[in-house]
Amino acid sequence: YLRTLATSDLVLLRQLRDRIGLSNAKFAATAGSVLGEDTFKFIAALGIKLRQVYGSSEGGMISGHSEDDILVETLGPPLPGVEVKISNEGEILIKSDYAFSRYYKNPEATSEALKDGWWYSGDAGNVNKHGHIIFMDRVSELGELRSGEKYAPQYIESGLRFSTYIKDAMAVGDKTRDFVTGIIIIDFENVGRWAEMNRVPYTTFTDLSQKQEVANLIRADVERVNGTLPEVARVRRYVLLHKEFDPDEADLTRTRKLKREALEERYKDLIEALYAGEKEIEVEA
């Protein structure tokens, strides 16, 4: 096994590292926007231990991975001397010796950002069972439930899309709702291949998406994503849609961004059925 690894490193991985300018990398870190898990794992597969770090002008260096404590979905644990807690609204709060003391000649902004020694970062997140910080979204992009508690729809959707078997997803929940629901689009090609390997017969996208075996397959991915979320943000109920979102039907932009208002209007009966606890609903396929 070790000989195989050494050979593959010599023959393939070293050439790839050289081609992308990382052949002599001794320490690799990424900051700024959170790196997607697929990119992170690709670089790790090249034999490079990439670390994610989290910092800001106001808070200084806040957290980061160590060589032997890398979790791709996180920003690492807080650094020594840094305290982190999550507000009731889901905002990441920071207290440390490295944080700023005030904004220059702007007492109003200072009083909004600094309260009782804690810096309100404007980032929404969570701390997992390992003590690592998970970044979800900017607070301004969060959805809000009836209880006033907030959740990060884009974080949920990105986590679901990372699945081999999920092409698209939309998280639903607003001030009239008590919990988060979801609309999920299967990846027809990958789920179809899985169905053939597992002898699950099907004819069309609609037929495949409604198979109980496929529902069981997707449930594992929903549970995986829910495991990274605070309880209030977990997807309680969801549906596997009988068709794909379509830019030609104004479901998506041309760059495949969700048109949330249009989708919620188009599938309002389906969404209402989810919140009503219905097990089935008739749709026109």
C-alpha atoms as a PDB file:
ATOM      1  CA  TYR A   1       0.000   0.000   0.000  1.00  0.00           C
ATOM      2  CA  LEU A   2       2.754   2.445   0.972  1.00  0.00           C
ATOM      3  CA  ARG A   3       4.708   1.507  -2.145  1.00  0.00           C
ATOM      4  CA  THR A   4       1.627   2.240  -4.272  1.00  0.00           C
ATOM      5  CA  LEU A   5       1.223   5.637  -2.606  1.00  0.00           C
ATOM      6  CA  ALA A   6       4.876   6.490  -3.180  1.00  0.00           C
ATOM      7  CA  THR A   7       4.654   5.448  -6.832  1.00  0.00           C
ATOM      8  CA  SER A   8       1.475   7.448  -7.476  1.00  0.00           C
ATOM      9  CA  ASP A   9       3.022  10.483  -5.790  1.00  0.00           C
ATOM     10  CA  LEU A  10       6.104  10.225  -7.977  1.00  0.00           C
ATOM     11  CA  VAL A  11       4.307   9.505 -11.243  1.00  0.00           C
ATOM     12  CA  LEU A  12       1.143  11.574 -11.000  1.00  0.00           C
ATOM     13  CA  LEU A  13       0.661  13.762  -7.942  1.00  0.00           C
ATOM     14  CA  ARG A  14       4.054  15.444  -8.072  1.00  0.00           C
ATOM     15  CA  GLN A  15       3.430  16.450 -11.686  1.00  0.00           C
ATOM     16  CA  LEU A  16       0.014  17.831 -10.804  1.00  0.00           C
ATOM     17  CA  ARG A  17       1.416  19.827  -7.882  1.00  0.00           C
ATOM     18  CA  ASP A  18       4.104  21.218 -10.144  1.00  0.00           C
ATOM     19  CA  ARG A  19       1.580  22.171 -12.834  1.00  0.00           C
ATOM     20  CA  ILE A  20      -0.514  24.242 -10.394  1.00  0.00           C
ATOM     21  CA  GLY A  21       2.538  25.790  -8.728  1.00  0.00           C
ATOM     22  CA  LEU A  22       2.470  23.849  -5.459  1.00  0.00           C
ATOM     23  CA  SER A  23       5.391  21.469  -5.897  1.00  0.00           C
ATOM     24  CA  ASN A  24       7.430  23.216  -3.175  1.00  0.00           C
ATOM     25  CA  ALA A  25       4.579  24.070  -0.825  1.00  0.00           C
ATOM     26  CA  LYS A  26       5.480  23.481   2.832  1.00  0.00           C
ATOM     27  CA  PHE A  27       2.504  25.183   4.466  1.00  0.00           C
ATOM     28  CA  ALA A  28      -0.823  25.876   2.759  1.00  0.00           C
ATOM     29  CA  ALA A  29      -3.701  27.933   4.131  1.00  0.00           C
ATOM     30  CA  THR A  30      -6.821  29.548   2.736  1.00  0.00           C
ATOM     31  CA  ALA A  31      -8.728  32.552   4.056  1.00  0.00           C
ATOM     32  CA  GLY A  32     -11.381  34.937   2.792  1.00  0.00           C
ATOM     33  CA  SER A  33     -14.381  33.141   1.322  1.00  0.00           C
ATOM     34  CA  VAL A  34     -14.941  29.663   2.701  1.00  0.00           C
ATOM     35  CA  LEU A  35     -13.511  27.037   0.377  1.00  0.00           C
ATOM     36  CA  GLY A  36     -15.929  24.457  -0.990  1.00  0.00           C
ATOM     37  CA  GLU A  37     -15.513  20.921   0.304  1.00  0.00           C
ATOM     38  CA  ASP A  38     -14.899  19.511  -3.184  1.00  0.00           C
ATOM     39  CA  THR A  39     -11.979  21.897  -3.808  1.00  0.00           C
ATOM     40  CA  PHE A  40     -10.616  21.270  -0.321  1.00  0.00           C
ATOM     41  CA  LYS A  41     -10.678  17.502  -0.804  1.00  0.00           C
ATOM     42  CA  PHE A  42      -9.100  17.770  -4.257  1.00  0.00           C
ATOM     43  CA  ILE A  43      -6.112  19.645  -2.846  1.00  0.00           C
ATOM     44  CA  ALA A  44      -5.869  17.165   0.037  1.00  0.00           C
ATOM     45  CA  ALA A  45      -5.841  14.320  -2.510  1.00  0.00           C
ATOM     46  CA  LEU A  46      -2.733  15.918  -4.042  1.00  0.00           C
ATOM     47  CA  GLY A  47      -0.958  15.335  -0.744  1.00  0.00           C
ATOM     48  CA  ILE A  48      -1.219  18.928   0.498  1.00  0.00           C
ATOM     49  CA  LYS A  49      -2.545  19.541   4.004  1.00  0.00           C
ATOM     50  CA  LEU A  50      -4.547  22.670   3.371  1.00  0.00           C
ATOM     51  CA  ARG A  51      -5.760  24.558   6.429  1.00  0.00           C
ATOM     52  CA  GLN A  52      -8.658  26.977   6.581  1.00  0.00           C
ATOM     53  CA  VAL A  53      -8.230  30.038   8.782  1.00  0.00           C
ATOM     54  CA  TYR A  54     -10.770  32.613   9.925  1.00  0.00           C
ATOM     55  CA  GLY A  55      -9.958  36.214  10.677  1.00  0.00           C
ATOM     56  CA  SER A  56     -10.954  39.810  10.064  1.00  0.00           C
ATOM     57  CA  SER A  57      -9.686  43.364  10.383  1.00  0.00           C
ATOM     58  CA  GLU A  58     -11.718  43.848  13.568  1.00  0.00           C
ATOM     59  CA  GLY A  59     -11.167  40.465  15.184  1.00  0.00           C
ATOM     60  CA  GLY A  60      -7.659  39.617  14.054  1.00  0.00           C
ATOM     61  CA  MET A  61      -6.907  35.920  13.698  1.00  0.00           C
ATOM     62  CA  ILE A  62      -9.817  34.003  15.190  1.00  0.00           C
ATOM     63  CA  SER A  63      -9.507  30.314  14.341  1.00  0.00           C
ATOM     64  CA  GLY A  64      -7.689  27.850  12.126  1.00  0.00           C
ATOM     65  CA  HIS A  65      -6.836  24.237  11.500  1.00  0.00           C
ATOM     66  CA  SER A  66      -3.747  22.589  12.899  1.00  0.00           C
ATOM     67  CA  GLU A  67      -1.933  19.912  10.899  1.00  0.00           C
ATOM     68  CA  ASP A  68      -3.597  17.015  12.706  1.00  0.00           C
ATOM     69  CA  ASP A  69      -7.021  18.583  13.276  1.00  0.00           C
ATOM     70  CA  ILE A  70      -8.495  19.372   9.862  1.00  0.00           C
ATOM     71  CA  LEU A  71     -12.229  19.114   9.243  1.00  0.00           C
ATOM     72  CA  VAL A  72     -13.081  20.286   5.740  1.00  0.00           C
ATOM     73  CA  GLU A  73     -16.482  21.725   6.659  1.00  0.00           C
ATOM     74  CA  THR A  74     -15.103  23.971   9.412  1.00  0.00           C
ATOM     75  CA  LEU A  75     -12.791  26.926  10.039  1.00  0.00           C
ATOM     76  CA  GLY A  76     -10.983  25.143  12.837  1.00  0.00           C
ATOM     77  CA  PRO A  77     -11.098  25.761  16.595  1.00  0.00           C
ATOM     78  CA  PRO A  78     -10.554  29.202  18.164  1.00  0.00           C
ATOM     79  CA  LEU A  79      -6.899  30.127  18.569  1.00  0.00           C
ATOM     80  CA  PRO A  80      -5.377  30.487  22.054  1.00  0.00           C
ATOM     81  CA  GLY A  81      -6.623  33.662  23.713  1.00  0.00           C
ATOM     82  CA  VAL A  82      -9.788  33.782  21.611  1.00  0.00           C
ATOM     83  CA  GLU A  83     -13.281  33.172  22.986  1.00  0.00           C
ATOM     84  CA  VAL A  84     -16.176  32.396  20.672  1.00  0.00           C
ATOM     85  CA  LYS A  85     -19.878  32.077  21.371  1.00  0.00           C
ATOM     86  CA  ILE A  86     -23.017  32.025  19.266  1.00  0.00           C
ATOM     87  CA  SER A  87     -25.775  34.545  19.967  1.00  0.00           C
ATOM     88  CA  ASN A  88     -29.436  33.585  20.141  1.00  0.00           C
ATOM     89  CA  GLU A  89     -29.735  34.967  16.610  1.00  0.00           C
ATOM     90  CA  GLY A  90     -26.975  32.653  15.362  1.00  0.00           C
ATOM     91  CA  GLU A  91     -24.281  35.338  15.044  1.00  0.00           C
ATOM     92  CA  ILE A  92     -20.636  34.531  15.784  1.00  0.00           C
ATOM     93  CA  LEU A  93     -19.392  36.668  18.694  1.00  0.00           C
ATOM     94  CA  ILE A  94     -15.676  37.125  19.368  1.00  0.00           C
ATOM     95  CA  LYS A  95     -13.703  38.205  22.414  1.00  0.00           C
ATOM     96  CA  SER A  96      -9.910  38.264  22.280  1.00  0.00           C
ATOM     97  CA  ASP A  97      -6.791  40.248  23.042  1.00  0.00           C
ATOM     98  CA  TYR A  98      -6.340  40.793  19.297  1.00  0.00           C
ATOM     99  CA  ALA A  99      -9.698  42.424  18.598  1.00  0.00           C
ATOM    100  CA  PHE A 100      -9.964  46.096  17.700  1.00  0.00           C
ATOM    101  CA  SER A 101     -10.933  48.664  20.317  1.00  0.00           C
ATOM    102  CA  ARG A 102     -13.088  50.983  18.187  1.00  0.00           C
ATOM    103  CA  TYR A 103     -13.758  52.312  14.706  1.00  0.00           C
ATOM    104  CA  TYR A 104     -11.897  55.517  13.937  1.00  0.00           C
ATOM    105  CA  LYS A 105     -14.129  58.531  14.610  1.00  0.00           C
ATOM    106  CA  ASN A 106     -17.270  56.405  14.359  1.00  0.00           C
ATOM    107  CA  PRO A 107     -18.739  55.844  17.828  1.00  0.00           C
ATOM    108  CA  GLU A 108     -22.118  54.751  16.436  1.00  0.00           C
ATOM    109  CA  ALA A 109     -20.620  51.869  14.455  1.00  0.00           C
ATOM    110  CA  THR A 110     -18.422  50.981  17.425  1.00  0.00           C
ATOM    111  CA  SER A 111     -21.368  50.745  19.803  1.00  0.00           C
ATOM    112  CA  GLU A 112     -23.212  48.477  17.360  1.00  0.00           C
ATOM    113  CA  ALA A 113     -20.249  46.154  16.824  1.00  0.00           C
ATOM    114  CA  LEU A 114     -18.857  45.999  20.388  1.00  0.00           C
ATOM    115  CA  LYS A 115     -21.142  45.062  23.273  1.00  0.00           C
ATOM    116  CA  ASP A 116     -19.959  43.955  26.714  1.00  0.00           C
ATOM    117  CA  GLY A 117     -16.531  43.185  25.319  1.00  0.00           C
ATOM    118  CA  TRP A 118     -17.842  40.978  22.513  1.00  0.00           C
ATOM    119  CA  TRP A 119     -17.390  41.821  18.843  1.00  0.00           C
ATOM    120  CA  TYR A 120     -20.483  41.061  16.764  1.00  0.00           C
ATOM    121  CA  SER A 121     -18.901  39.699  13.581  1.00  0.00           C
ATOM    122  CA  GLY A 122     -21.919  39.874  11.267  1.00  0.00           C
ATOM    123  CA  ASP A 123     -21.208  36.240  10.360  1.00  0.00           C
ATOM    124  CA  ALA A 124     -23.717  33.498  11.068  1.00  0.00           C
ATOM    125  CA  GLY A 125     -22.371  30.194  12.257  1.00  0.00           C
ATOM    126  CA  ASN A 126     -22.206  27.405  14.761  1.00  0.00           C
ATOM    127  CA  VAL A 127     -19.670  25.530  16.886  1.00  0.00           C
ATOM    128  CA  ASN A 128     -19.667  21.759  16.379  1.00  0.00           C
ATOM    129  CA  LYS A 129     -19.038  19.026  18.953  1.00  0.00           C
ATOM    130  CA  HIS A 130     -15.297  19.176  18.233  1.00  0.00           C
ATOM    131  CA  GLY A 131     -15.153  22.878  19.101  1.00  0.00           C
ATOM    132  CA  HIS A 132     -14.635  23.921  15.477  1.00  0.00           C
ATOM    133  CA  ILE A 133     -16.320  27.014  14.048  1.00  0.00           C
ATOM    134  CA  ILE A 134     -18.712  26.452  11.140  1.00  0.00           C
ATOM    135  CA  PHE A 135     -19.407  29.484   8.935  1.00  0.00           C
ATOM    136  CA  MET A 136     -22.880  29.530   7.399  1.00  0.00           C
ATOM    137  CA  ASP A 137     -23.570  32.925   5.857  1.00  0.00           C
ATOM    138  CA  ARG A 138     -23.674  36.620   6.560  1.00  0.00           C
ATOM    139  CA  VAL A 139     -26.348  37.443   9.136  1.00  0.00           C
ATOM    140  CA  SER A 140     -28.021  39.748   6.610  1.00  0.00           C
ATOM    141  CA  GLU A 141     -28.668  36.740   4.340  1.00  0.00           C
ATOM    142  CA  LEU A 142     -30.356  34.580   6.985  1.00  0.00           C
ATOM    143  CA  GLY A 143     -33.952  33.416   6.928  1.00  0.00           C
ATOM    144  CA  GLU A 144     -36.135  33.956  10.002  1.00  0.00           C
ATOM    145  CA  LEU A 145     -38.777  31.653  11.496  1.00  0.00           C
ATOM    146  CA  ARG A 146     -41.897  32.534  13.466  1.00  0.00           C
ATOM    147  CA  SER A 147     -39.971  32.146  16.733  1.00  0.00           C
ATOM    148  CA  GLY A 148     -37.522  34.841  15.641  1.00  0.00           C
ATOM    149  CA  GLU A 149     -34.734  32.275  15.362  1.00  0.00           C
ATOM    150  CA  LYS A 150     -32.672  32.426  12.195  1.00  0.00           C
ATOM    151  CA  TYR A 151     -31.165  29.918   9.798  1.00  0.00           C
ATOM    152  CA  ALA A 152     -28.883  29.995   6.747  1.00  0.00           C
ATOM    153  CA  PRO A 153     -30.724  28.729   3.649  1.00  0.00           C
ATOM    154  CA  GLN A 154     -27.705  28.909   1.356  1.00  0.00           C
ATOM    155  CA  TYR A 155     -25.598  26.875   3.782  1.00  0.00           C
ATOM    156  CA  ILE A 156     -28.259  24.154   3.882  1.00  0.00           C
ATOM    157  CA  GLU A 157     -28.617  24.158   0.099  1.00  0.00           C
ATOM    158  CA  SER A 158     -24.865  24.054  -0.516  1.00  0.00           C
ATOM    159  CA  GLY A 159     -24.502  21.138   1.878  1.00  0.00           C
ATOM    160  CA  LEU A 160     -27.220  19.193   0.096  1.00  0.00           C
ATOM    161  CA  ARG A 161     -25.805  19.951  -3.366  1.00  0.00           C
ATOM    162  CA  PHE A 162     -22.479  18.490  -2.280  1.00  0.00           C
ATOM    163  CA  SER A 163     -24.139  15.062  -2.426  1.00  0.00           C
ATOM    164  CA  THR A 164     -23.470  12.967  -5.512  1.00  0.00           C
ATOM    165  CA  TYR A 165     -27.190  12.287  -5.701  1.00  0.00           C
ATOM    166  CA  ILE A 166     -28.605  15.808  -5.303  1.00  0.00           C
ATOM    167  CA  LYS A 167     -28.522  18.303  -8.168  1.00  0.00           C
ATOM    168  CA  ASP A 168     -30.355  21.178  -6.517  1.00  0.00           C
ATOM    169  CA  ALA A 169     -32.219  22.121  -3.356  1.00  0.00           C
ATOM    170  CA  MET A 170     -34.149  24.971  -1.811  1.00  0.00           C
ATOM    171  CA  ALA A 171     -34.643  25.529   1.917  1.00  0.00           C
ATOM    172  CA  VAL A 172     -37.987  27.079   2.877  1.00  0.00           C
ATOM    173  CA  GLY A 173     -39.003  28.857   6.069  1.00  0.00           C
ATOM    174  CA  ASP A 174     -40.129  32.374   6.982  1.00  0.00           C
ATOM    175  CA  LYS A 175     -41.752  34.358   9.774  1.00  0.00           C
ATOM    176  CA  THR A 176     -45.020  32.476   9.265  1.00  0.00           C
ATOM    177  CA  ARG A 177     -43.366  29.053   9.717  1.00  0.00           C
ATOM    178  CA  ASP A 178     -42.246  27.107  12.777  1.00  0.00           C
ATOM    179  CA  PHE A 179     -39.525  25.032  11.102  1.00  0.00           C
ATOM    180  CA  VAL A 180     -37.460  24.618   7.942  1.00  0.00           C
ATOM    181  CA  THR A 181     -38.582  22.451   5.033  1.00  0.00           C
ATOM    182  CA  GLY A 182     -36.883  21.636   1.763  1.00  0.00           C
ATOM    183  CA  ILE A 183     -37.446  20.923  -1.915  1.00  0.00           C
ATOM    184  CA  ILE A 184     -34.805  18.575  -3.317  1.00  0.00           C
ATOM    185  CA  ILE A 185     -33.970  17.739  -6.939  1.00  0.00           C
ATOM    186  CA  ILE A 186     -32.231  14.423  -7.525  1.00  0.00           C
ATOM    187  CA  ASP A 187     -29.270  14.135  -9.892  1.00  0.00           C
ATOM    188  CA  PHE A 188     -30.933  11.994 -12.558  1.00  0.00           C
ATOM    189  CA  GLU A 189     -27.711  10.632 -14.043  1.00  0.00           C
ATOM    190  CA  ASN A 190     -26.076   9.630 -10.762  1.00  0.00           C
ATOM    191  CA  VAL A 191     -29.228   8.362  -9.077  1.00  0.00           C
ATOM    192  CA  GLY A 192     -30.110   6.488 -12.272  1.00  0.00           C
ATOM    193  CA  ARG A 193     -26.713   4.794 -12.258  1.00  0.00           C
ATOM    194  CA  TRP A 194     -27.167   3.928  -8.583  1.00  0.00           C
ATOM    195  CA  ALA A 195     -30.640   2.510  -9.322  1.00  0.00           C
ATOM    196  CA  GLU A 196     -29.300   0.289 -12.092  1.00  0.00           C
ATOM    197  CA  MET A 197     -26.511  -1.027  -9.863  1.00  0.00           C
ATOM    198  CA  ASN A 198     -29.039  -1.783  -7.126  1.00  0.00           C
ATOM    199  CA  ARG A 199     -31.657  -3.240  -9.486  1.00  0.00           C
ATOM    200  CA  VAL A 200     -34.238  -0.557  -8.879  1.00  0.00           C
ATOM    201  CA  PRO A 201     -36.403  -0.367 -12.017  1.00  0.00           C
ATOM    202  CA  TYR A 202     -37.559   3.025 -13.303  1.00  0.00           C
ATOM    203  CA  THR A 203     -38.692   4.695 -16.499  1.00  0.00           C
ATOM    204  CA  THR A 204     -38.581   8.493 -16.172  1.00  0.00           C
ATOM    205  CA  PHE A 205     -37.198  11.229 -13.929  1.00  0.00           C
ATOM    206  CA  THR A 206     -40.578  11.475 -12.218  1.00  0.00           C
ATOM    207  CA  ASP A 207     -40.745   7.726 -11.641  1.00  0.00           C
ATOM    208  CA  LEU A 208     -37.205   7.533 -10.275  1.00  0.00           C
ATOM    209  CA  SER A 209     -37.589  10.521  -7.953  1.00  0.00           C
ATOM    210  CA  GLN A 210     -40.582   8.918  -6.226  1.00  0.00           C
ATOM    211  CA  LYS A 211     -39.042   5.495  -5.552  1.00  0.00           C
ATOM    212  CA  GLN A 212     -38.873   4.548  -1.879  1.00  0.00           C
ATOM    213  CA  GLU A 213     -35.320   3.277  -2.377  1.00  0.00           C
ATOM    214  CA  VAL A 214     -34.314   6.722  -3.658  1.00  0.00           C
ATOM    215  CA  ALA A 215     -36.055   8.391  -0.725  1.00  0.00           C
ATOM    216  CA  ASN A 216     -33.955   6.243   1.613  1.00  0.00           C
ATOM    217  CA  LEU A 217     -30.805   7.164  -0.316  1.00  0.00           C
ATOM    218  CA  ILE A 218     -31.464  10.897  -0.090  1.00  0.00           C
ATOM    219  CA  ARG A 219     -32.473  10.701   3.577  1.00  0.00           C
ATOM    220  CA  ALA A 220     -28.878   9.865   4.486  1.00  0.00           C
ATOM    221  CA  ASP A 221     -27.677  13.105   2.868  1.00  0.00           C
ATOM    222  CA  VAL A 222     -30.330  15.187   4.614  1.00  0.00           C
ATOM    223  CA  GLU A 223     -29.302  13.650   7.938  1.00  0.00           C
ATOM    224  CA  ARG A 224     -25.649  14.402   7.143  1.00  0.00           C
ATOM    225  CA  VAL A 225     -26.395  18.082   6.546  1.00  0.00           C
ATOM    226  CA  ASN A 226     -28.714  18.295   9.554  1.00  0.00           C
ATOM    227  CA  GLY A 227     -25.859  16.999  11.685  1.00  0.00           C
ATOM    228  CA  THR A 228     -23.900  20.190  10.958  1.00  0.00           C
ATOM    229  CA  LEU A 229     -26.801  22.498  11.853  1.00  0.00           C
ATOM    230  CA  PRO A 230     -28.222  23.858  15.093  1.00  0.00           C
ATOM    231  CA  GLU A 231     -31.546  22.227  15.906  1.00  0.00           C
ATOM    232  CA  VAL A 232     -33.681  25.180  14.807  1.00  0.00           C
ATOM    233  CA  ALA A 233     -32.127  25.142  11.314  1.00  0.00           C
ATOM    234  CA  ARG A 234     -32.523  21.438  10.600  1.00  0.00           C
ATOM    235  CA  VAL A 235     -34.728  20.388   7.703  1.00  0.00           C
ATOM    236  CA  ARG A 236     -37.725  18.740   9.374  1.00  0.00           C
ATOM    237  CA  ARG A 237     -39.655  17.748   6.250  1.00  0.00           C
ATOM    238  CA  TYR A 238     -38.740  17.731   2.576  1.00  0.00           C
ATOM    239  CA  VAL A 239     -39.962  16.514  -0.784  1.00  0.00           C
ATOM    240  CA  LEU A 240     -38.161  15.006  -3.759  1.00  0.00           C
ATOM    241  CA  LEU A 241     -39.533  17.069  -6.617  1.00  0.00           C
ATOM    242  CA  HIS A 242     -40.862  15.236  -9.669  1.00  0.00           C
ATOM    243  CA  LYS A 243     -38.965  17.527 -12.071  1.00  0.00           C
ATOM    244  CA  GLU A 244     -35.861  19.665 -12.256  1.00  0.00           C
ATOM    245  CA  PHE A 245     -35.776  23.404 -11.655  1.00  0.00           C
ATOM    246  CA  ASP A 246     -35.743  25.041 -15.079  1.00  0.00           C
ATOM    247  CA  PRO A 247     -34.334  28.462 -16.092  1.00  0.00           C
ATOM    248  CA  ASP A 248     -36.809  28.519 -19.001  1.00  0.00           C
ATOM    249  CA  GLU A 249     -39.668  28.388 -16.487  1.00  0.00           C
ATOM    250  CA  ALA A 250     -38.168  31.204 -14.387  1.00  0.00           C
ATOM    251  CA  ASP A 251     -37.164  28.817 -11.590  1.00  0.00           C
ATOM    252  CA  LEU A 252     -33.487  29.762 -11.907  1.00  0.00           C
ATOM    253  CA  THR A 253     -31.319  32.501 -13.321  1.00  0.00           C
ATOM    254  CA  ARG A 254     -29.080  31.618 -16.263  1.00  0.00           C
ATOM    255  CA  THR A 255     -26.270  31.061 -13.760  1.00  0.00           C
ATOM    256  CA  ARG A 256     -28.523  28.597 -11.881  1.00  0.00           C
ATOM    257  CA  LYS A 257     -29.203  30.791  -8.856  1.00  0.00           C
ATOM    258  CA  LEU A 258     -32.558  30.121  -7.230  1.00  0.00           C
ATOM    259  CA  LYS A 259     -35.398  32.559  -7.875  1.00  0.00           C
ATOM    260  CA  ARG A 260     -36.859  32.027  -4.421  1.00  0.00           C
ATOM    261  CA  GLU A 261     -40.013  34.068  -4.723  1.00  0.00           C
ATOM    262  CA  ALA A 262     -40.911  32.509  -8.068  1.00  0.00           C
ATOM    263  CA  LEU A 263     -40.244  28.993  -6.786  1.00  0.00           C
ATOM    264  CA  GLU A 264     -42.244  29.497  -3.603  1.00  0.00           C
ATOM    265  CA  GLU A 265     -45.170  30.773  -5.647  1.00  0.00           C
ATOM    266  CA  ARG A 266     -44.961  27.949  -8.203  1.00  0.00           C
ATOM    267  CA  TYR A 267     -44.793  25.254  -5.539  1.00  0.00           C
ATOM    268  CA  LYS A 268     -46.925  26.911  -2.866  1.00  0.00           C
ATOM    269  CA  ASP A 269     -49.371  23.980  -2.701  1.00  0.00           C
ATOM    270  CA  LEU A 270     -46.488  21.573  -2.238  1.00  0.00           C
ATOM    271  CA  ILE A 271     -44.948  23.750   0.467  1.00  0.00           C
ATOM    272  CA  GLU A 272     -48.269  24.050   2.275  1.00  0.00           C
ATOM    273  CA  ALA A 273     -48.606  20.259   2.171  1.00  0.00           C
ATOM    274  CA  LEU A 274     -45.181  19.888   3.777  1.00  0.00           C
ATOM    275  CA  TYR A 275     -46.124  22.178   6.641  1.00  0.00           C
ATOM    276  CA  ALA A 276     -49.531  20.531   7.013  1.00  0.00           C
ATOM    277  CA  GLY A 277     -47.899  17.140   7.500  1.00  0.00           C
ATOM    278  CA  GLU A 278     -49.394  15.604   4.358  1.00  0.00           C
ATOM    279  CA  LYS A 279     -47.782  12.384   3.132  1.00  0.00           C
ATOM    280  CA  GLU A 280     -48.928  12.719  -0.472  1.00  0.00           C
ATOM    281  CA  ILE A 281     -50.052  15.469  -2.830  1.00  0.00           C
ATOM    282  CA  GLU A 282     -51.178  15.221  -6.430  1.00  0.00           C
ATOM    283  CA  VAL A 283     -49.177  17.229  -8.950  1.00  0.00           C
ATOM    284  CA  GLU A 284     -49.262  17.565 -12.709  1.00  0.00           C
ATOM    285  CA  ALA A 285     -46.178  15.802 -14.055  1.00  0.00           C
END
